N, C-alpha and C. Protein backbone atom coordinates (compact mmCIF):
# COMPACT_ATOMS: atom_id res chain seq x y z
N UNK A 1 136.55 18.83 -10.24
CA UNK A 1 136.53 19.08 -8.81
C UNK A 1 135.92 20.46 -8.53
N UNK A 2 135.13 20.53 -7.49
CA UNK A 2 134.52 21.80 -7.08
C UNK A 2 135.58 22.79 -6.66
N UNK A 3 135.25 24.07 -6.82
CA UNK A 3 136.16 25.12 -6.37
C UNK A 3 135.86 25.44 -4.91
N UNK A 4 136.90 25.45 -4.09
CA UNK A 4 136.76 25.91 -2.72
C UNK A 4 137.06 27.41 -2.71
N UNK A 5 136.12 28.19 -2.18
CA UNK A 5 136.27 29.64 -2.14
C UNK A 5 136.34 30.08 -0.68
N UNK A 6 137.04 31.18 -0.46
CA UNK A 6 137.24 31.71 0.90
C UNK A 6 136.62 33.09 1.04
N UNK A 7 136.04 33.35 2.19
CA UNK A 7 135.35 34.60 2.46
C UNK A 7 136.23 35.82 2.47
N UNK A 8 137.51 35.65 2.79
CA UNK A 8 138.40 36.83 2.86
C UNK A 8 138.86 37.30 1.49
N UNK A 9 138.57 36.55 0.46
CA UNK A 9 138.95 36.88 -0.93
C UNK A 9 140.44 37.27 -1.01
N UNK A 10 141.28 36.55 -0.29
CA UNK A 10 142.71 36.86 -0.25
C UNK A 10 143.39 36.74 -1.60
N UNK A 11 142.79 36.00 -2.52
CA UNK A 11 143.37 35.82 -3.85
C UNK A 11 142.93 36.91 -4.83
N UNK A 12 142.17 37.85 -4.38
CA UNK A 12 141.61 38.88 -5.25
C UNK A 12 142.53 40.09 -5.30
N UNK A 13 143.28 40.22 -6.37
CA UNK A 13 144.26 41.30 -6.50
C UNK A 13 143.59 42.66 -6.70
N UNK A 14 142.32 42.70 -7.02
CA UNK A 14 141.58 43.95 -7.18
C UNK A 14 141.53 44.73 -5.86
N UNK A 15 141.60 44.03 -4.73
CA UNK A 15 141.54 44.68 -3.42
C UNK A 15 142.95 45.10 -3.01
N UNK A 16 143.16 46.40 -2.89
CA UNK A 16 144.47 46.93 -2.52
C UNK A 16 144.63 47.07 -1.01
N UNK A 17 143.54 47.42 -0.33
CA UNK A 17 143.56 47.54 1.13
C UNK A 17 142.23 47.04 1.66
N UNK A 18 142.29 46.19 2.69
CA UNK A 18 141.09 45.56 3.21
C UNK A 18 141.12 45.48 4.72
N UNK A 19 139.93 45.31 5.29
CA UNK A 19 139.76 44.91 6.69
C UNK A 19 138.84 43.70 6.64
N UNK A 20 139.07 42.74 7.53
CA UNK A 20 138.28 41.52 7.48
C UNK A 20 138.08 40.99 8.89
N UNK A 21 136.87 40.50 9.15
CA UNK A 21 136.57 39.89 10.44
C UNK A 21 135.57 38.76 10.24
N UNK A 22 135.71 37.71 11.06
CA UNK A 22 134.80 36.57 11.04
C UNK A 22 134.37 36.28 12.47
N UNK A 23 133.11 35.88 12.63
CA UNK A 23 132.60 35.55 13.96
C UNK A 23 131.54 34.47 13.83
N UNK A 24 131.57 33.52 14.75
CA UNK A 24 130.45 32.58 14.88
C UNK A 24 129.38 33.27 15.71
N UNK A 25 128.13 33.09 15.33
CA UNK A 25 127.04 33.73 16.06
C UNK A 25 125.90 32.74 16.28
N UNK A 26 125.27 32.89 17.42
CA UNK A 26 124.18 31.98 17.80
C UNK A 26 123.02 32.82 18.32
N UNK A 27 121.89 32.77 17.63
CA UNK A 27 120.71 33.49 18.09
C UNK A 27 119.48 32.73 17.63
N UNK A 28 118.32 33.19 18.07
CA UNK A 28 117.07 32.57 17.65
C UNK A 28 116.87 32.71 16.14
N UNK A 29 117.33 33.86 15.58
CA UNK A 29 117.13 34.13 14.17
C UNK A 29 118.19 33.50 13.26
N UNK A 30 119.41 33.32 13.79
CA UNK A 30 120.51 32.86 12.94
C UNK A 30 121.58 32.16 13.76
N UNK A 31 121.99 30.99 13.29
CA UNK A 31 123.13 30.30 13.87
C UNK A 31 124.07 29.94 12.73
N UNK A 32 125.31 30.39 12.86
CA UNK A 32 126.31 30.13 11.84
C UNK A 32 127.41 31.15 11.91
N UNK A 33 128.20 31.21 10.86
CA UNK A 33 129.29 32.18 10.80
C UNK A 33 128.88 33.40 10.01
N UNK A 34 129.47 34.53 10.38
CA UNK A 34 129.28 35.76 9.61
C UNK A 34 130.65 36.42 9.45
N UNK A 35 130.88 37.00 8.29
CA UNK A 35 132.14 37.70 8.06
C UNK A 35 131.87 39.02 7.36
N UNK A 36 132.80 39.94 7.53
CA UNK A 36 132.68 41.24 6.89
C UNK A 36 134.01 41.59 6.24
N UNK A 37 133.95 41.84 4.95
CA UNK A 37 135.11 42.27 4.18
C UNK A 37 134.88 43.73 3.81
N UNK A 38 135.70 44.60 4.39
CA UNK A 38 135.62 46.03 4.07
C UNK A 38 136.64 46.31 2.98
N UNK A 39 136.14 46.69 1.82
CA UNK A 39 136.99 46.98 0.67
C UNK A 39 137.44 48.44 0.79
N UNK A 40 138.48 48.65 1.57
CA UNK A 40 138.93 50.01 1.86
C UNK A 40 139.41 50.70 0.59
N UNK A 41 140.26 50.01 -0.16
CA UNK A 41 140.78 50.59 -1.40
C UNK A 41 140.81 49.52 -2.49
N UNK A 42 140.30 49.89 -3.66
CA UNK A 42 140.14 48.98 -4.78
C UNK A 42 140.96 49.48 -5.97
N UNK A 43 141.53 48.57 -6.73
CA UNK A 43 142.25 48.95 -7.93
C UNK A 43 141.33 49.42 -9.03
N UNK A 44 140.18 48.75 -9.16
CA UNK A 44 139.24 49.10 -10.22
C UNK A 44 137.84 48.65 -9.80
N UNK A 45 136.83 49.53 -9.95
CA UNK A 45 135.45 49.14 -9.61
C UNK A 45 134.98 47.98 -10.47
N UNK A 46 133.99 47.25 -9.97
CA UNK A 46 133.40 46.14 -10.69
C UNK A 46 131.90 46.40 -10.84
N UNK A 47 131.43 46.38 -12.09
CA UNK A 47 130.03 46.60 -12.42
C UNK A 47 129.45 45.32 -13.00
N UNK A 48 128.17 45.07 -12.71
CA UNK A 48 127.46 43.93 -13.28
C UNK A 48 126.16 44.43 -13.91
N UNK A 49 125.65 43.66 -14.85
CA UNK A 49 124.40 44.01 -15.53
C UNK A 49 123.34 42.95 -15.28
N UNK A 50 122.15 43.40 -14.94
CA UNK A 50 120.97 42.54 -14.82
C UNK A 50 119.87 43.21 -15.62
N UNK A 51 119.42 42.56 -16.65
CA UNK A 51 118.46 43.15 -17.57
C UNK A 51 118.99 44.52 -18.00
N UNK A 52 118.27 45.57 -17.73
CA UNK A 52 118.72 46.90 -18.16
C UNK A 52 119.42 47.66 -17.04
N UNK A 53 119.65 47.02 -15.91
CA UNK A 53 120.28 47.68 -14.77
C UNK A 53 121.78 47.42 -14.75
N UNK A 54 122.55 48.48 -14.49
CA UNK A 54 123.99 48.35 -14.31
C UNK A 54 124.27 48.71 -12.85
N UNK A 55 124.90 47.76 -12.12
CA UNK A 55 125.09 47.92 -10.68
C UNK A 55 126.56 47.78 -10.33
N UNK A 56 127.08 48.71 -9.54
CA UNK A 56 128.44 48.61 -9.04
C UNK A 56 128.41 47.74 -7.78
N UNK A 57 129.25 46.68 -7.75
CA UNK A 57 129.29 45.80 -6.58
C UNK A 57 130.62 45.88 -5.84
N UNK A 58 131.62 46.52 -6.46
CA UNK A 58 132.93 46.67 -5.82
C UNK A 58 133.45 48.08 -6.09
N UNK A 59 133.77 48.78 -5.02
CA UNK A 59 134.39 50.10 -5.14
C UNK A 59 134.99 50.45 -3.79
N UNK A 60 135.75 51.51 -3.74
CA UNK A 60 136.33 51.97 -2.48
C UNK A 60 135.23 52.15 -1.44
N UNK A 61 135.46 51.61 -0.25
CA UNK A 61 134.52 51.79 0.85
C UNK A 61 133.36 50.82 0.87
N UNK A 62 133.21 49.95 -0.13
CA UNK A 62 132.14 48.96 -0.12
C UNK A 62 132.43 47.90 0.95
N UNK A 63 131.37 47.22 1.39
CA UNK A 63 131.50 46.13 2.36
C UNK A 63 130.71 44.93 1.87
N UNK A 64 131.32 43.77 2.05
CA UNK A 64 130.65 42.51 1.72
C UNK A 64 130.48 41.72 3.01
N UNK A 65 129.23 41.54 3.40
CA UNK A 65 128.89 40.69 4.54
C UNK A 65 128.58 39.31 4.00
N UNK A 66 129.18 38.28 4.59
CA UNK A 66 128.85 36.92 4.16
C UNK A 66 128.31 36.15 5.34
N UNK A 67 127.18 35.47 5.10
CA UNK A 67 126.53 34.67 6.12
C UNK A 67 126.63 33.19 5.72
N UNK A 68 127.05 32.38 6.69
CA UNK A 68 127.23 30.94 6.49
C UNK A 68 126.29 30.22 7.46
N UNK A 69 125.01 30.05 7.10
CA UNK A 69 124.07 29.44 8.04
C UNK A 69 124.36 27.95 8.26
N UNK A 70 124.40 27.57 9.54
CA UNK A 70 124.59 26.15 9.86
C UNK A 70 123.49 25.31 9.23
N UNK A 71 123.84 24.09 8.85
CA UNK A 71 122.88 23.11 8.34
C UNK A 71 122.25 23.50 7.00
N UNK A 72 122.85 24.46 6.28
CA UNK A 72 122.32 24.86 4.98
C UNK A 72 123.41 24.70 3.91
N UNK A 73 122.99 24.58 2.67
CA UNK A 73 123.93 24.41 1.57
C UNK A 73 123.96 25.65 0.68
N UNK A 74 124.14 26.78 1.33
CA UNK A 74 124.31 28.05 0.64
C UNK A 74 124.99 29.04 1.57
N UNK A 75 125.55 30.07 0.98
CA UNK A 75 126.03 31.23 1.72
C UNK A 75 125.39 32.45 1.07
N UNK A 76 125.25 33.52 1.84
CA UNK A 76 124.67 34.75 1.32
C UNK A 76 125.67 35.88 1.51
N UNK A 77 126.02 36.54 0.42
CA UNK A 77 126.89 37.72 0.48
C UNK A 77 126.03 38.94 0.21
N UNK A 78 126.01 39.85 1.18
CA UNK A 78 125.30 41.12 1.02
C UNK A 78 126.33 42.16 0.67
N UNK A 79 126.12 42.84 -0.43
CA UNK A 79 127.07 43.84 -0.90
C UNK A 79 126.50 45.22 -0.60
N UNK A 80 127.23 45.97 0.22
CA UNK A 80 126.83 47.31 0.64
C UNK A 80 127.71 48.33 -0.06
N UNK A 81 127.11 49.44 -0.51
CA UNK A 81 127.91 50.52 -1.10
C UNK A 81 128.55 51.36 0.00
N UNK A 82 129.30 52.39 -0.37
CA UNK A 82 130.02 53.21 0.60
C UNK A 82 129.08 54.01 1.51
N UNK A 83 127.78 54.07 1.17
CA UNK A 83 126.79 54.72 2.05
C UNK A 83 126.09 53.71 2.96
N UNK A 84 126.50 52.44 2.89
CA UNK A 84 125.89 51.41 3.73
C UNK A 84 124.58 50.87 3.19
N UNK A 85 124.27 51.16 1.92
CA UNK A 85 123.03 50.68 1.31
C UNK A 85 123.30 49.36 0.58
N UNK A 86 122.34 48.43 0.68
CA UNK A 86 122.46 47.15 -0.01
C UNK A 86 122.35 47.39 -1.51
N UNK A 87 123.34 46.89 -2.26
CA UNK A 87 123.26 46.95 -3.72
C UNK A 87 122.80 45.62 -4.31
N UNK A 88 123.10 44.53 -3.62
CA UNK A 88 122.58 43.21 -4.02
C UNK A 88 122.92 42.19 -2.95
N UNK A 89 122.17 41.08 -2.99
CA UNK A 89 122.49 39.87 -2.23
C UNK A 89 122.90 38.83 -3.26
N UNK A 90 123.96 38.09 -2.96
CA UNK A 90 124.48 37.06 -3.86
C UNK A 90 124.45 35.75 -3.09
N UNK A 91 123.63 34.82 -3.54
CA UNK A 91 123.48 33.54 -2.85
C UNK A 91 124.26 32.48 -3.62
N UNK A 92 125.29 31.95 -3.00
CA UNK A 92 126.10 30.87 -3.57
C UNK A 92 125.52 29.54 -3.12
N UNK A 93 125.10 28.72 -4.05
CA UNK A 93 124.69 27.36 -3.73
C UNK A 93 125.97 26.55 -3.57
N UNK A 94 126.07 25.83 -2.46
CA UNK A 94 127.32 25.10 -2.21
C UNK A 94 127.04 23.69 -1.72
N UNK A 95 128.06 22.86 -1.87
CA UNK A 95 127.97 21.48 -1.39
C UNK A 95 128.02 21.47 0.13
N UNK A 96 128.95 22.25 0.66
CA UNK A 96 129.06 22.43 2.11
C UNK A 96 129.93 23.66 2.36
N UNK A 97 129.93 24.12 3.60
CA UNK A 97 130.79 25.23 3.99
C UNK A 97 131.32 24.95 5.39
N UNK A 98 132.41 25.62 5.73
CA UNK A 98 133.02 25.42 7.03
C UNK A 98 134.11 26.45 7.27
N UNK A 99 134.96 26.15 8.23
CA UNK A 99 136.05 27.06 8.59
C UNK A 99 137.31 26.23 8.75
N UNK A 100 138.42 26.70 8.20
CA UNK A 100 139.71 26.07 8.42
C UNK A 100 140.74 27.15 8.77
N UNK A 101 142.01 26.82 8.71
CA UNK A 101 143.07 27.75 9.10
C UNK A 101 143.10 29.02 8.24
N UNK A 102 142.49 29.00 7.06
CA UNK A 102 142.40 30.19 6.21
C UNK A 102 141.12 30.99 6.44
N UNK A 103 140.25 30.51 7.31
CA UNK A 103 138.98 31.19 7.56
C UNK A 103 137.82 30.44 6.96
N UNK A 104 136.66 31.11 6.86
CA UNK A 104 135.47 30.45 6.33
C UNK A 104 135.58 30.18 4.83
N UNK A 105 135.04 29.03 4.42
CA UNK A 105 135.10 28.60 3.03
C UNK A 105 133.78 27.97 2.64
N UNK A 106 133.58 27.80 1.33
CA UNK A 106 132.47 27.03 0.80
C UNK A 106 132.92 26.32 -0.46
N UNK A 107 132.39 25.12 -0.66
CA UNK A 107 132.63 24.35 -1.88
C UNK A 107 131.51 24.69 -2.86
N UNK A 108 131.85 25.49 -3.85
CA UNK A 108 130.90 26.11 -4.77
C UNK A 108 130.30 25.10 -5.72
N UNK A 109 128.96 25.09 -5.81
CA UNK A 109 128.24 24.24 -6.77
C UNK A 109 127.79 25.03 -7.99
N UNK A 110 128.45 26.13 -8.27
CA UNK A 110 128.33 26.88 -9.52
C UNK A 110 127.04 27.69 -9.66
N UNK A 111 125.93 27.19 -9.17
CA UNK A 111 124.64 27.85 -9.33
C UNK A 111 124.50 28.97 -8.31
N UNK A 112 124.00 30.13 -8.75
CA UNK A 112 123.88 31.29 -7.87
C UNK A 112 122.55 31.98 -8.08
N UNK A 113 122.13 32.73 -7.06
CA UNK A 113 120.92 33.53 -7.14
C UNK A 113 121.28 34.95 -6.74
N UNK A 114 120.87 35.91 -7.55
CA UNK A 114 121.07 37.32 -7.25
C UNK A 114 119.73 37.88 -6.82
N UNK A 115 119.73 38.64 -5.72
CA UNK A 115 118.52 39.31 -5.26
C UNK A 115 118.84 40.80 -5.18
N UNK A 116 117.99 41.60 -5.79
CA UNK A 116 118.17 43.05 -5.76
C UNK A 116 117.26 43.67 -4.71
N UNK A 117 117.62 44.85 -4.21
CA UNK A 117 116.77 45.51 -3.21
C UNK A 117 115.33 45.73 -3.68
N UNK A 118 115.13 45.80 -4.98
CA UNK A 118 113.78 45.97 -5.55
C UNK A 118 112.91 44.73 -5.32
N UNK A 119 113.54 43.61 -4.97
CA UNK A 119 112.83 42.34 -4.83
C UNK A 119 112.99 41.43 -6.03
N UNK A 120 113.51 41.96 -7.13
CA UNK A 120 113.79 41.13 -8.30
C UNK A 120 114.88 40.12 -7.95
N UNK A 121 114.78 38.93 -8.50
CA UNK A 121 115.84 37.94 -8.29
C UNK A 121 116.07 37.16 -9.57
N UNK A 122 117.30 36.65 -9.67
CA UNK A 122 117.75 35.98 -10.90
C UNK A 122 118.54 34.73 -10.54
N UNK A 123 118.21 33.63 -11.17
CA UNK A 123 119.01 32.41 -11.09
C UNK A 123 120.06 32.52 -12.19
N UNK A 124 121.32 32.43 -11.81
CA UNK A 124 122.40 32.58 -12.79
C UNK A 124 123.35 31.39 -12.75
N UNK A 125 124.14 31.30 -13.78
CA UNK A 125 125.21 30.31 -13.92
C UNK A 125 124.71 28.87 -14.07
N UNK A 126 123.49 28.71 -14.60
CA UNK A 126 123.00 27.36 -14.89
C UNK A 126 123.90 26.68 -15.91
N UNK A 127 124.44 27.46 -16.85
CA UNK A 127 125.35 26.90 -17.85
C UNK A 127 126.62 26.37 -17.19
N UNK A 128 127.12 27.06 -16.16
CA UNK A 128 128.32 26.59 -15.45
C UNK A 128 128.03 25.28 -14.70
N UNK A 129 126.83 25.16 -14.14
CA UNK A 129 126.44 23.93 -13.45
C UNK A 129 126.39 22.76 -14.44
N UNK A 130 125.78 22.99 -15.60
CA UNK A 130 125.70 21.95 -16.64
C UNK A 130 127.10 21.54 -17.10
N UNK A 131 127.94 22.53 -17.33
CA UNK A 131 129.31 22.26 -17.79
C UNK A 131 130.10 21.48 -16.75
N UNK A 132 129.92 21.84 -15.47
CA UNK A 132 130.63 21.13 -14.39
C UNK A 132 130.23 19.66 -14.35
N UNK A 133 128.95 19.39 -14.58
CA UNK A 133 128.48 18.00 -14.62
C UNK A 133 129.09 17.26 -15.80
N UNK A 134 129.06 17.88 -16.98
CA UNK A 134 129.61 17.26 -18.18
C UNK A 134 131.11 17.00 -18.07
N UNK A 135 131.83 17.89 -17.40
CA UNK A 135 133.28 17.74 -17.25
C UNK A 135 133.67 16.85 -16.06
N UNK A 136 132.69 16.38 -15.30
CA UNK A 136 132.98 15.51 -14.17
C UNK A 136 133.48 16.26 -12.94
N UNK A 137 133.29 17.57 -12.90
CA UNK A 137 133.69 18.35 -11.72
C UNK A 137 132.74 18.11 -10.56
N UNK A 138 131.50 17.75 -10.89
CA UNK A 138 130.50 17.37 -9.89
C UNK A 138 129.79 16.14 -10.40
N UNK A 139 129.14 15.41 -9.49
CA UNK A 139 128.38 14.23 -9.89
C UNK A 139 126.88 14.55 -9.97
N UNK A 140 126.08 13.56 -10.36
CA UNK A 140 124.64 13.78 -10.52
C UNK A 140 123.98 14.15 -9.19
N UNK A 141 124.44 13.54 -8.11
CA UNK A 141 123.86 13.86 -6.80
C UNK A 141 124.10 15.33 -6.47
N UNK A 142 125.31 15.81 -6.69
CA UNK A 142 125.64 17.22 -6.40
C UNK A 142 124.88 18.15 -7.34
N UNK A 143 124.75 17.77 -8.60
CA UNK A 143 123.99 18.54 -9.58
C UNK A 143 122.54 18.68 -9.13
N UNK A 144 121.91 17.56 -8.80
CA UNK A 144 120.51 17.58 -8.34
C UNK A 144 120.36 18.36 -7.05
N UNK A 145 121.34 18.21 -6.17
CA UNK A 145 121.31 18.94 -4.90
C UNK A 145 121.34 20.45 -5.15
N UNK A 146 122.18 20.89 -6.07
CA UNK A 146 122.26 22.32 -6.40
C UNK A 146 120.92 22.82 -6.93
N UNK A 147 120.33 22.07 -7.85
CA UNK A 147 119.04 22.47 -8.43
C UNK A 147 117.94 22.52 -7.37
N UNK A 148 117.89 21.51 -6.49
CA UNK A 148 116.86 21.46 -5.45
C UNK A 148 117.03 22.60 -4.45
N UNK A 149 118.28 22.89 -4.07
CA UNK A 149 118.54 23.98 -3.13
C UNK A 149 118.12 25.31 -3.74
N UNK A 150 118.48 25.53 -4.99
CA UNK A 150 118.10 26.78 -5.68
C UNK A 150 116.57 26.89 -5.78
N UNK A 151 115.91 25.80 -6.12
CA UNK A 151 114.44 25.82 -6.22
C UNK A 151 113.80 26.17 -4.88
N UNK A 152 114.33 25.59 -3.81
CA UNK A 152 113.80 25.86 -2.46
C UNK A 152 113.96 27.34 -2.12
N UNK A 153 115.16 27.89 -2.36
CA UNK A 153 115.41 29.30 -2.04
C UNK A 153 114.53 30.21 -2.90
N UNK A 154 114.40 29.91 -4.17
CA UNK A 154 113.59 30.76 -5.05
C UNK A 154 112.11 30.69 -4.65
N UNK A 155 111.67 29.56 -4.17
CA UNK A 155 110.30 29.46 -3.64
C UNK A 155 110.12 30.33 -2.41
N UNK A 156 111.12 30.33 -1.52
CA UNK A 156 111.06 31.17 -0.32
C UNK A 156 111.13 32.65 -0.70
N UNK A 157 111.94 32.99 -1.70
CA UNK A 157 112.01 34.38 -2.16
C UNK A 157 110.66 34.83 -2.72
N UNK A 158 110.04 33.96 -3.49
CA UNK A 158 108.75 34.30 -4.10
C UNK A 158 107.70 34.58 -3.02
N UNK A 159 107.77 33.83 -1.92
CA UNK A 159 106.81 33.99 -0.83
C UNK A 159 107.30 34.97 0.24
N UNK A 160 108.44 35.64 -0.02
CA UNK A 160 109.04 36.58 0.94
C UNK A 160 109.33 35.91 2.29
N UNK A 161 109.84 34.68 2.23
CA UNK A 161 110.14 33.91 3.45
C UNK A 161 111.62 33.56 3.59
N UNK A 162 112.46 34.13 2.75
CA UNK A 162 113.90 33.87 2.85
C UNK A 162 114.48 34.92 3.81
N UNK A 163 114.29 34.66 5.10
CA UNK A 163 114.50 35.66 6.14
C UNK A 163 115.95 36.05 6.39
N UNK A 164 116.90 35.27 5.94
CA UNK A 164 118.30 35.60 6.19
C UNK A 164 118.65 36.97 5.60
N UNK A 165 118.00 37.37 4.53
CA UNK A 165 118.28 38.67 3.92
C UNK A 165 117.95 39.82 4.87
N UNK A 166 116.94 39.61 5.69
CA UNK A 166 116.50 40.65 6.62
C UNK A 166 117.48 40.87 7.76
N UNK A 167 118.44 39.98 7.91
CA UNK A 167 119.41 40.08 9.01
C UNK A 167 120.72 40.75 8.59
N UNK A 168 120.83 41.11 7.33
CA UNK A 168 122.09 41.65 6.80
C UNK A 168 122.59 42.88 7.55
N UNK A 169 121.72 43.86 7.75
CA UNK A 169 122.16 45.08 8.42
C UNK A 169 122.58 44.83 9.85
N UNK A 170 121.82 44.02 10.58
CA UNK A 170 122.17 43.72 11.97
C UNK A 170 123.52 43.00 12.04
N UNK A 171 123.75 42.04 11.15
CA UNK A 171 125.03 41.33 11.15
C UNK A 171 126.18 42.25 10.77
N UNK A 172 125.97 43.12 9.78
CA UNK A 172 127.01 44.09 9.39
C UNK A 172 127.35 44.98 10.58
N UNK A 173 126.33 45.50 11.26
CA UNK A 173 126.57 46.41 12.38
C UNK A 173 127.30 45.71 13.53
N UNK A 174 126.95 44.47 13.79
CA UNK A 174 127.63 43.68 14.83
C UNK A 174 129.12 43.56 14.53
N UNK A 175 129.44 43.23 13.28
CA UNK A 175 130.86 43.05 12.91
C UNK A 175 131.59 44.38 12.84
N UNK A 176 130.91 45.45 12.43
CA UNK A 176 131.56 46.76 12.40
C UNK A 176 131.99 47.19 13.80
N UNK A 177 131.17 46.90 14.80
CA UNK A 177 131.54 47.22 16.18
C UNK A 177 132.81 46.49 16.59
N UNK A 178 132.96 45.26 16.14
CA UNK A 178 134.15 44.48 16.49
C UNK A 178 135.39 44.94 15.73
N UNK A 179 135.19 45.52 14.54
CA UNK A 179 136.32 46.02 13.74
C UNK A 179 136.93 47.29 14.34
N UNK A 180 136.11 48.08 15.03
CA UNK A 180 136.57 49.37 15.53
C UNK A 180 137.42 49.25 16.76
């Protein structure tokens, strides 16, 4: 069975103090949900490695903006450092996403794409997608759907046409105004 994940990361014990807000938004550029998780206080920073780069994605004062575009099978999490600079975009390929009594959620299809501010991008967790298929957690249709969605996004990234990334700062600023 697919894992259902929630934008508020309420199950994440690493976060000691948080602020969280979710809003539906409708504009010419973007229609869907947006949320902002302000990691006010963290128990321990989280670092990730891509090639020779080591990047901190969780620390005191960091913010995670998540965008849930309507009619799409992905969500985008923009990770900002304590200076408000983008450290990475994390694209979760999902079966579907929505909102329930716990807030916004997505049914994770295991495959992810990381985009760095340099423009470099990485398809990750292909092994998890393969394993999920072998274990019966997803079916062939969902497997193929994940691969096709990732291919489409990576094609748009290559052509610099994955425009949702360009909206990260505007969406973060909109939600920050509502938090204050």
